[in-house]
């Protein structure tokens, strides 16, 4: 069986986990135990490992079974063979990393931190302004230079800003020359905060399991690599592009 690795940007839980692992403390120190106990603890032949690397120093722990009547884990230091019991929280977060640790945000900024977005698709481009950005319930969007609230723009921008990552694709993912269907440049004053580039797949890539025809992909400075979007919301945004960029 080939080991598989998945890379993605970590969320706030990831940052807490790294801190906790760097200060990992055992609930109990069992020391060196005999072969029968090692087998009972699930440490004989276990392929599950926790590898902690700090600078050039590396420590590897073999992960065993959960303790009887509890959710704690037995682990063994592969170097000195000492056995410990540790809390389950860190192990559970690592086990379900792709659900618990993934950062699903596309943007570093908060909605109130931007006052303008320039949307471009092909040869068409349009600037939109956010008003009352510090007052969530009163905020709305209009054409740049206009003070008139436009529900079309406000509703569309709400969807765009609520987009979330469905899955991260491998770094260096090849789009095979596919051109973007849309680009959105977010700014506050004259300072650009973020640029979003969206693509729609015209055919399956690879085995068709990770990226299929009709999927929407995006890359921003925050995600760093290409990500797949929730198809229903991304599809609405793409379908409404003509209305957003139409003459007014």
C-alpha atoms as a PDB file:
ATOM      1  CA  UNK A   1       0.000   0.000   0.000  1.00  0.00           C
ATOM      2  CA  UNK A   2       1.398   3.381  -1.031  1.00  0.00           C
ATOM      3  CA  UNK A   3       1.362   6.102   1.624  1.00  0.00           C
ATOM      4  CA  UNK A   4      -0.705   9.108   0.596  1.00  0.00           C
ATOM      5  CA  UNK A   5      -0.097  12.672   1.689  1.00  0.00           C
ATOM      6  CA  UNK A   6      -2.469  15.588   1.405  1.00  0.00           C
ATOM      7  CA  UNK A   7      -1.443  19.227   1.701  1.00  0.00           C
ATOM      8  CA  UNK A   8      -3.787  22.015   2.719  1.00  0.00           C
ATOM      9  CA  UNK A   9      -3.728  25.274   4.605  1.00  0.00           C
ATOM     10  CA  UNK A  10      -4.435  24.764   8.294  1.00  0.00           C
ATOM     11  CA  UNK A  11      -7.063  26.641  10.275  1.00  0.00           C
ATOM     12  CA  UNK A  12      -6.965  28.031  13.832  1.00  0.00           C
ATOM     13  CA  UNK A  13      -7.368  24.520  15.266  1.00  0.00           C
ATOM     14  CA  UNK A  14      -4.170  23.540  13.437  1.00  0.00           C
ATOM     15  CA  UNK A  15      -2.263  26.389  15.073  1.00  0.00           C
ATOM     16  CA  UNK A  16      -3.489  25.279  18.507  1.00  0.00           C
ATOM     17  CA  UNK A  17      -2.607  21.672  17.716  1.00  0.00           C
ATOM     18  CA  UNK A  18       0.974  22.572  16.745  1.00  0.00           C
ATOM     19  CA  UNK A  19       1.377  24.416  20.043  1.00  0.00           C
ATOM     20  CA  UNK A  20      -0.072  21.482  21.986  1.00  0.00           C
ATOM     21  CA  UNK A  21       2.177  18.959  20.210  1.00  0.00           C
ATOM     22  CA  UNK A  22       5.269  21.061  20.878  1.00  0.00           C
ATOM     23  CA  UNK A  23       4.383  20.830  24.582  1.00  0.00           C
ATOM     24  CA  UNK A  24       3.067  17.272  24.501  1.00  0.00           C
ATOM     25  CA  UNK A  25       2.686  15.933  28.055  1.00  0.00           C
ATOM     26  CA  UNK A  26       1.916  12.366  29.076  1.00  0.00           C
ATOM     27  CA  UNK A  27      -0.946  11.518  31.425  1.00  0.00           C
ATOM     28  CA  UNK A  28       1.032   8.491  32.562  1.00  0.00           C
ATOM     29  CA  UNK A  29       4.587   7.245  32.050  1.00  0.00           C
ATOM     30  CA  UNK A  30       4.644   3.443  31.842  1.00  0.00           C
ATOM     31  CA  UNK A  31       8.325   3.156  30.940  1.00  0.00           C
ATOM     32  CA  UNK A  32       9.571   0.031  29.209  1.00  0.00           C
ATOM     33  CA  UNK A  33       7.026  -2.789  29.187  1.00  0.00           C
ATOM     34  CA  UNK A  34       7.247  -6.448  28.195  1.00  0.00           C
ATOM     35  CA  UNK A  35       6.227  -7.915  24.867  1.00  0.00           C
ATOM     36  CA  UNK A  36       2.826  -9.173  26.042  1.00  0.00           C
ATOM     37  CA  UNK A  37       1.805  -5.722  27.232  1.00  0.00           C
ATOM     38  CA  UNK A  38       3.152  -4.081  24.092  1.00  0.00           C
ATOM     39  CA  UNK A  39       0.904  -6.386  22.073  1.00  0.00           C
ATOM     40  CA  UNK A  40      -2.086  -5.682  24.309  1.00  0.00           C
ATOM     41  CA  UNK A  41      -1.449  -1.957  23.974  1.00  0.00           C
ATOM     42  CA  UNK A  42      -1.500  -2.291  20.162  1.00  0.00           C
ATOM     43  CA  UNK A  43       2.119  -1.199  19.828  1.00  0.00           C
ATOM     44  CA  UNK A  44       3.404  -4.359  18.146  1.00  0.00           C
ATOM     45  CA  UNK A  45       3.229  -4.039  14.372  1.00  0.00           C
ATOM     46  CA  UNK A  46       1.374  -0.727  14.493  1.00  0.00           C
ATOM     47  CA  UNK A  47       1.830   1.318  11.321  1.00  0.00           C
ATOM     48  CA  UNK A  48       0.444   4.488  12.863  1.00  0.00           C
ATOM     49  CA  UNK A  49       3.121   6.975  13.841  1.00  0.00           C
ATOM     50  CA  UNK A  50       3.396  10.519  15.112  1.00  0.00           C
ATOM     51  CA  UNK A  51       6.587  12.216  13.892  1.00  0.00           C
ATOM     52  CA  UNK A  52       7.506  15.547  15.491  1.00  0.00           C
ATOM     53  CA  UNK A  53      10.312  17.562  13.874  1.00  0.00           C
ATOM     54  CA  UNK A  54      11.797  20.683  15.421  1.00  0.00           C
ATOM     55  CA  UNK A  55      14.753  22.015  13.466  1.00  0.00           C
ATOM     56  CA  UNK A  56      17.066  19.059  12.875  1.00  0.00           C
ATOM     57  CA  UNK A  57      15.677  17.105  15.841  1.00  0.00           C
ATOM     58  CA  UNK A  58      13.066  14.426  15.193  1.00  0.00           C
ATOM     59  CA  UNK A  59      11.075  12.225  17.561  1.00  0.00           C
ATOM     60  CA  UNK A  60       8.900   9.369  16.393  1.00  0.00           C
ATOM     61  CA  UNK A  61       6.101   7.857  18.462  1.00  0.00           C
ATOM     62  CA  UNK A  62       4.315   4.626  17.594  1.00  0.00           C
ATOM     63  CA  UNK A  63       0.580   4.997  18.184  1.00  0.00           C
ATOM     64  CA  UNK A  64      -1.224   2.063  19.768  1.00  0.00           C
ATOM     65  CA  UNK A  65      -4.734   1.300  21.012  1.00  0.00           C
ATOM     66  CA  UNK A  66      -6.990   3.377  23.201  1.00  0.00           C
ATOM     67  CA  UNK A  67      -6.807   2.637  26.908  1.00  0.00           C
ATOM     68  CA  UNK A  68      -9.420   0.289  28.382  1.00  0.00           C
ATOM     69  CA  UNK A  69     -12.617   2.099  29.297  1.00  0.00           C
ATOM     70  CA  UNK A  70     -11.177   5.409  28.169  1.00  0.00           C
ATOM     71  CA  UNK A  71     -10.323   7.384  25.026  1.00  0.00           C
ATOM     72  CA  UNK A  72      -6.664   8.001  25.867  1.00  0.00           C
ATOM     73  CA  UNK A  73      -3.947   6.512  23.639  1.00  0.00           C
ATOM     74  CA  UNK A  74      -0.897   4.356  24.273  1.00  0.00           C
ATOM     75  CA  UNK A  75       2.206   5.635  22.460  1.00  0.00           C
ATOM     76  CA  UNK A  76       5.797   4.420  22.414  1.00  0.00           C
ATOM     77  CA  UNK A  77       8.929   6.429  21.783  1.00  0.00           C
ATOM     78  CA  UNK A  78      10.650   4.520  18.976  1.00  0.00           C
ATOM     79  CA  UNK A  79      14.087   5.634  20.188  1.00  0.00           C
ATOM     80  CA  UNK A  80      14.128   4.675  23.872  1.00  0.00           C
ATOM     81  CA  UNK A  81      11.084   2.336  23.667  1.00  0.00           C
ATOM     82  CA  UNK A  82       9.394   3.952  26.665  1.00  0.00           C
ATOM     83  CA  UNK A  83       5.581   3.804  26.678  1.00  0.00           C
ATOM     84  CA  UNK A  84       3.250   6.658  27.585  1.00  0.00           C
ATOM     85  CA  UNK A  85      -0.459   7.382  27.816  1.00  0.00           C
ATOM     86  CA  UNK A  86      -1.568  10.647  26.221  1.00  0.00           C
ATOM     87  CA  UNK A  87      -4.827  12.551  25.862  1.00  0.00           C
ATOM     88  CA  UNK A  88      -6.950  11.709  22.808  1.00  0.00           C
ATOM     89  CA  UNK A  89      -7.636  15.233  21.573  1.00  0.00           C
ATOM     90  CA  UNK A  90      -4.485  15.662  19.489  1.00  0.00           C
ATOM     91  CA  UNK A  91      -4.753  12.161  18.013  1.00  0.00           C
ATOM     92  CA  UNK A  92      -8.390  12.650  17.054  1.00  0.00           C
ATOM     93  CA  UNK A  93      -7.627  15.974  15.366  1.00  0.00           C
ATOM     94  CA  UNK A  94      -4.823  14.355  13.377  1.00  0.00           C
ATOM     95  CA  UNK A  95      -6.917  11.312  12.479  1.00  0.00           C
ATOM     96  CA  UNK A  96      -9.660  13.508  11.045  1.00  0.00           C
ATOM     97  CA  UNK A  97      -7.330  16.255   9.828  1.00  0.00           C
ATOM     98  CA  UNK A  98      -9.017  16.706   6.436  1.00  0.00           C
ATOM     99  CA  UNK A  99     -12.228  17.653   8.221  1.00  0.00           C
ATOM    100  CA  UNK A 100     -11.057  19.344  11.419  1.00  0.00           C
ATOM    101  CA  UNK A 101      -7.849  21.119  10.405  1.00  0.00           C
ATOM    102  CA  UNK A 102      -8.550  22.410   6.895  1.00  0.00           C
ATOM    103  CA  UNK A 103      -8.881  26.183   6.421  1.00  0.00           C
ATOM    104  CA  UNK A 104     -11.965  26.672   4.254  1.00  0.00           C
ATOM    105  CA  UNK A 105     -11.607  30.444   3.903  1.00  0.00           C
ATOM    106  CA  UNK A 106     -10.686  32.045   0.593  1.00  0.00           C
ATOM    107  CA  UNK A 107      -9.813  35.402   2.101  1.00  0.00           C
ATOM    108  CA  UNK A 108      -7.726  36.700   4.961  1.00  0.00           C
ATOM    109  CA  UNK A 109      -9.758  39.907   5.218  1.00  0.00           C
ATOM    110  CA  UNK A 110     -13.159  40.404   6.814  1.00  0.00           C
ATOM    111  CA  UNK A 111     -16.050  41.771   4.742  1.00  0.00           C
ATOM    112  CA  UNK A 112     -15.901  45.110   6.525  1.00  0.00           C
ATOM    113  CA  UNK A 113     -12.218  45.444   5.580  1.00  0.00           C
ATOM    114  CA  UNK A 114     -12.956  46.097   1.891  1.00  0.00           C
ATOM    115  CA  UNK A 115     -14.787  48.918   0.133  1.00  0.00           C
ATOM    116  CA  UNK A 116     -14.319  48.022  -3.518  1.00  0.00           C
ATOM    117  CA  UNK A 117     -14.100  45.043  -5.866  1.00  0.00           C
ATOM    118  CA  UNK A 118     -13.285  45.025  -9.573  1.00  0.00           C
ATOM    119  CA  UNK A 119     -14.839  42.056 -11.375  1.00  0.00           C
ATOM    120  CA  UNK A 120     -13.427  41.008 -14.737  1.00  0.00           C
ATOM    121  CA  UNK A 121     -14.564  38.303 -17.168  1.00  0.00           C
ATOM    122  CA  UNK A 122     -13.035  38.245 -20.640  1.00  0.00           C
ATOM    123  CA  UNK A 123     -13.130  41.790 -22.020  1.00  0.00           C
ATOM    124  CA  UNK A 124     -15.774  42.997 -19.570  1.00  0.00           C
ATOM    125  CA  UNK A 125     -14.991  44.654 -16.252  1.00  0.00           C
ATOM    126  CA  UNK A 126     -16.978  46.454 -13.597  1.00  0.00           C
ATOM    127  CA  UNK A 127     -16.185  48.135 -10.276  1.00  0.00           C
ATOM    128  CA  UNK A 128     -18.497  47.763  -7.270  1.00  0.00           C
ATOM    129  CA  UNK A 129     -18.423  49.753  -4.026  1.00  0.00           C
ATOM    130  CA  UNK A 130     -19.464  48.699  -0.542  1.00  0.00           C
ATOM    131  CA  UNK A 131     -21.302  51.278   1.588  1.00  0.00           C
ATOM    132  CA  UNK A 132     -21.790  51.303   5.376  1.00  0.00           C
ATOM    133  CA  UNK A 133     -19.184  48.555   5.564  1.00  0.00           C
ATOM    134  CA  UNK A 134     -18.782  48.945   9.329  1.00  0.00           C
ATOM    135  CA  UNK A 135     -22.509  48.402   9.903  1.00  0.00           C
ATOM    136  CA  UNK A 136     -23.297  44.818   8.951  1.00  0.00           C
ATOM    137  CA  UNK A 137     -27.076  45.181   8.700  1.00  0.00           C
ATOM    138  CA  UNK A 138     -26.871  48.426   6.742  1.00  0.00           C
ATOM    139  CA  UNK A 139     -24.076  47.466   4.349  1.00  0.00           C
ATOM    140  CA  UNK A 140     -24.839  47.279   0.629  1.00  0.00           C
ATOM    141  CA  UNK A 141     -23.137  47.324  -2.771  1.00  0.00           C
ATOM    142  CA  UNK A 142     -23.526  49.643  -5.752  1.00  0.00           C
ATOM    143  CA  UNK A 143     -21.689  50.606  -8.906  1.00  0.00           C
ATOM    144  CA  UNK A 144     -18.519  52.579  -8.233  1.00  0.00           C
ATOM    145  CA  UNK A 145     -19.453  56.269  -8.121  1.00  0.00           C
ATOM    146  CA  UNK A 146     -23.081  55.574  -7.199  1.00  0.00           C
ATOM    147  CA  UNK A 147     -24.778  55.784  -3.800  1.00  0.00           C
ATOM    148  CA  UNK A 148     -27.791  53.769  -4.943  1.00  0.00           C
ATOM    149  CA  UNK A 149     -28.287  50.374  -3.344  1.00  0.00           C
ATOM    150  CA  UNK A 150     -28.420  47.597  -5.941  1.00  0.00           C
ATOM    151  CA  UNK A 151     -29.850  44.274  -4.707  1.00  0.00           C
ATOM    152  CA  UNK A 152     -28.364  42.498  -7.732  1.00  0.00           C
ATOM    153  CA  UNK A 153     -24.842  43.497  -6.719  1.00  0.00           C
ATOM    154  CA  UNK A 154     -25.452  43.157  -2.980  1.00  0.00           C
ATOM    155  CA  UNK A 155     -26.814  39.600  -3.269  1.00  0.00           C
ATOM    156  CA  UNK A 156     -24.072  38.544  -5.683  1.00  0.00           C
ATOM    157  CA  UNK A 157     -21.295  39.957  -3.507  1.00  0.00           C
ATOM    158  CA  UNK A 158     -22.767  38.220  -0.462  1.00  0.00           C
ATOM    159  CA  UNK A 159     -22.433  34.891  -2.296  1.00  0.00           C
ATOM    160  CA  UNK A 160     -18.929  35.695  -3.515  1.00  0.00           C
ATOM    161  CA  UNK A 161     -17.707  36.600  -0.031  1.00  0.00           C
ATOM    162  CA  UNK A 162     -19.264  33.480   1.487  1.00  0.00           C
ATOM    163  CA  UNK A 163     -17.560  31.064  -0.897  1.00  0.00           C
ATOM    164  CA  UNK A 164     -15.760  28.282   0.933  1.00  0.00           C
ATOM    165  CA  UNK A 165     -13.126  25.697   0.058  1.00  0.00           C
ATOM    166  CA  UNK A 166     -14.455  22.226  -0.651  1.00  0.00           C
ATOM    167  CA  UNK A 167     -11.053  20.607  -1.209  1.00  0.00           C
ATOM    168  CA  UNK A 168      -7.400  21.537  -1.760  1.00  0.00           C
ATOM    169  CA  UNK A 169      -5.661  20.361  -4.918  1.00  0.00           C
ATOM    170  CA  UNK A 170      -1.974  19.353  -4.995  1.00  0.00           C
ATOM    171  CA  UNK A 171       0.565  22.223  -5.188  1.00  0.00           C
ATOM    172  CA  UNK A 172       1.456  22.906  -8.818  1.00  0.00           C
ATOM    173  CA  UNK A 173      -1.855  21.487 -10.073  1.00  0.00           C
ATOM    174  CA  UNK A 174      -1.848  21.791 -13.882  1.00  0.00           C
ATOM    175  CA  UNK A 175      -4.900  23.465 -15.446  1.00  0.00           C
ATOM    176  CA  UNK A 176      -3.601  22.466 -18.895  1.00  0.00           C
ATOM    177  CA  UNK A 177      -3.999  25.954 -20.354  1.00  0.00           C
ATOM    178  CA  UNK A 178      -7.551  26.528 -19.106  1.00  0.00           C
ATOM    179  CA  UNK A 179      -8.422  30.228 -19.001  1.00  0.00           C
ATOM    180  CA  UNK A 180     -10.177  31.809 -15.994  1.00  0.00           C
ATOM    181  CA  UNK A 181     -13.874  32.593 -16.261  1.00  0.00           C
ATOM    182  CA  UNK A 182     -13.618  35.410 -13.727  1.00  0.00           C
ATOM    183  CA  UNK A 183     -11.235  37.505 -11.675  1.00  0.00           C
ATOM    184  CA  UNK A 184     -12.170  39.609  -8.643  1.00  0.00           C
ATOM    185  CA  UNK A 185      -9.793  42.189  -7.157  1.00  0.00           C
ATOM    186  CA  UNK A 186     -10.706  43.272  -3.621  1.00  0.00           C
ATOM    187  CA  UNK A 187      -9.353  46.504  -2.173  1.00  0.00           C
ATOM    188  CA  UNK A 188      -9.596  49.046   0.615  1.00  0.00           C
ATOM    189  CA  UNK A 189      -8.899  52.501  -0.732  1.00  0.00           C
ATOM    190  CA  UNK A 190      -5.987  52.142  -3.144  1.00  0.00           C
ATOM    191  CA  UNK A 191      -4.565  49.044  -1.448  1.00  0.00           C
ATOM    192  CA  UNK A 192      -5.394  45.670  -3.040  1.00  0.00           C
ATOM    193  CA  UNK A 193      -6.203  43.149  -0.304  1.00  0.00           C
ATOM    194  CA  UNK A 194      -6.782  40.019  -2.364  1.00  0.00           C
ATOM    195  CA  UNK A 195      -7.236  38.700  -5.895  1.00  0.00           C
ATOM    196  CA  UNK A 196      -9.517  35.750  -6.649  1.00  0.00           C
ATOM    197  CA  UNK A 197      -9.236  33.842  -9.920  1.00  0.00           C
ATOM    198  CA  UNK A 198     -11.982  31.335 -10.815  1.00  0.00           C
ATOM    199  CA  UNK A 199     -11.934  28.527 -13.372  1.00  0.00           C
ATOM    200  CA  UNK A 200     -14.566  26.078 -14.615  1.00  0.00           C
ATOM    201  CA  UNK A 201     -13.339  22.667 -15.686  1.00  0.00           C
ATOM    202  CA  UNK A 202     -14.301  21.649 -19.218  1.00  0.00           C
ATOM    203  CA  UNK A 203     -13.217  18.034 -18.816  1.00  0.00           C
ATOM    204  CA  UNK A 204     -12.043  15.551 -16.199  1.00  0.00           C
ATOM    205  CA  UNK A 205      -8.383  15.684 -15.216  1.00  0.00           C
ATOM    206  CA  UNK A 206      -6.444  12.659 -14.056  1.00  0.00           C
ATOM    207  CA  UNK A 207      -8.695   9.858 -12.838  1.00  0.00           C
ATOM    208  CA  UNK A 208     -11.696  12.195 -12.691  1.00  0.00           C
ATOM    209  CA  UNK A 209     -12.131  11.627  -8.959  1.00  0.00           C
ATOM    210  CA  UNK A 210     -10.511  14.800  -7.699  1.00  0.00           C
ATOM    211  CA  UNK A 211     -11.470  17.208 -10.488  1.00  0.00           C
ATOM    212  CA  UNK A 212     -14.401  16.567 -12.809  1.00  0.00           C
ATOM    213  CA  UNK A 213     -15.998  18.378 -15.702  1.00  0.00           C
ATOM    214  CA  UNK A 214     -18.108  21.271 -14.427  1.00  0.00           C
ATOM    215  CA  UNK A 215     -16.156  21.710 -11.171  1.00  0.00           C
ATOM    216  CA  UNK A 216     -15.229  25.242 -10.140  1.00  0.00           C
ATOM    217  CA  UNK A 217     -11.676  25.953  -9.008  1.00  0.00           C
ATOM    218  CA  UNK A 218     -10.221  29.049  -7.404  1.00  0.00           C
ATOM    219  CA  UNK A 219      -6.876  30.381  -6.306  1.00  0.00           C
ATOM    220  CA  UNK A 220      -6.293  33.331  -3.979  1.00  0.00           C
ATOM    221  CA  UNK A 221      -3.298  34.616  -2.084  1.00  0.00           C
ATOM    222  CA  UNK A 222      -4.787  33.142   1.076  1.00  0.00           C
ATOM    223  CA  UNK A 223      -5.259  29.602  -0.264  1.00  0.00           C
ATOM    224  CA  UNK A 224      -1.826  29.703  -1.958  1.00  0.00           C
ATOM    225  CA  UNK A 225      -2.666  26.635  -4.040  1.00  0.00           C
ATOM    226  CA  UNK A 226      -5.645  25.778  -6.254  1.00  0.00           C
ATOM    227  CA  UNK A 227      -8.810  24.752  -4.420  1.00  0.00           C
ATOM    228  CA  UNK A 228     -12.146  23.271  -5.397  1.00  0.00           C
ATOM    229  CA  UNK A 229     -15.315  25.137  -4.445  1.00  0.00           C
ATOM    230  CA  UNK A 230     -18.742  24.113  -3.273  1.00  0.00           C
ATOM    231  CA  UNK A 231     -20.313  23.569  -6.687  1.00  0.00           C
ATOM    232  CA  UNK A 232     -23.836  24.893  -6.020  1.00  0.00           C
ATOM    233  CA  UNK A 233     -22.798  28.355  -4.774  1.00  0.00           C
ATOM    234  CA  UNK A 234     -19.933  28.734  -7.254  1.00  0.00           C
ATOM    235  CA  UNK A 235     -22.315  27.789 -10.061  1.00  0.00           C
ATOM    236  CA  UNK A 236     -24.752  30.549  -9.062  1.00  0.00           C
ATOM    237  CA  UNK A 237     -21.964  33.116  -9.041  1.00  0.00           C
ATOM    238  CA  UNK A 238     -20.792  32.029 -12.509  1.00  0.00           C
ATOM    239  CA  UNK A 239     -24.298  31.990 -13.991  1.00  0.00           C
ATOM    240  CA  UNK A 240     -25.008  35.522 -12.751  1.00  0.00           C
ATOM    241  CA  UNK A 241     -21.774  36.981 -14.164  1.00  0.00           C
ATOM    242  CA  UNK A 242     -23.465  38.255 -17.350  1.00  0.00           C
ATOM    243  CA  UNK A 243     -26.039  40.158 -15.286  1.00  0.00           C
ATOM    244  CA  UNK A 244     -23.348  41.645 -13.070  1.00  0.00           C
ATOM    245  CA  UNK A 245     -21.179  42.763 -15.964  1.00  0.00           C
ATOM    246  CA  UNK A 246     -24.028  43.822 -18.258  1.00  0.00           C
ATOM    247  CA  UNK A 247     -24.473  47.451 -19.267  1.00  0.00           C
ATOM    248  CA  UNK A 248     -26.303  49.659 -16.787  1.00  0.00           C
END
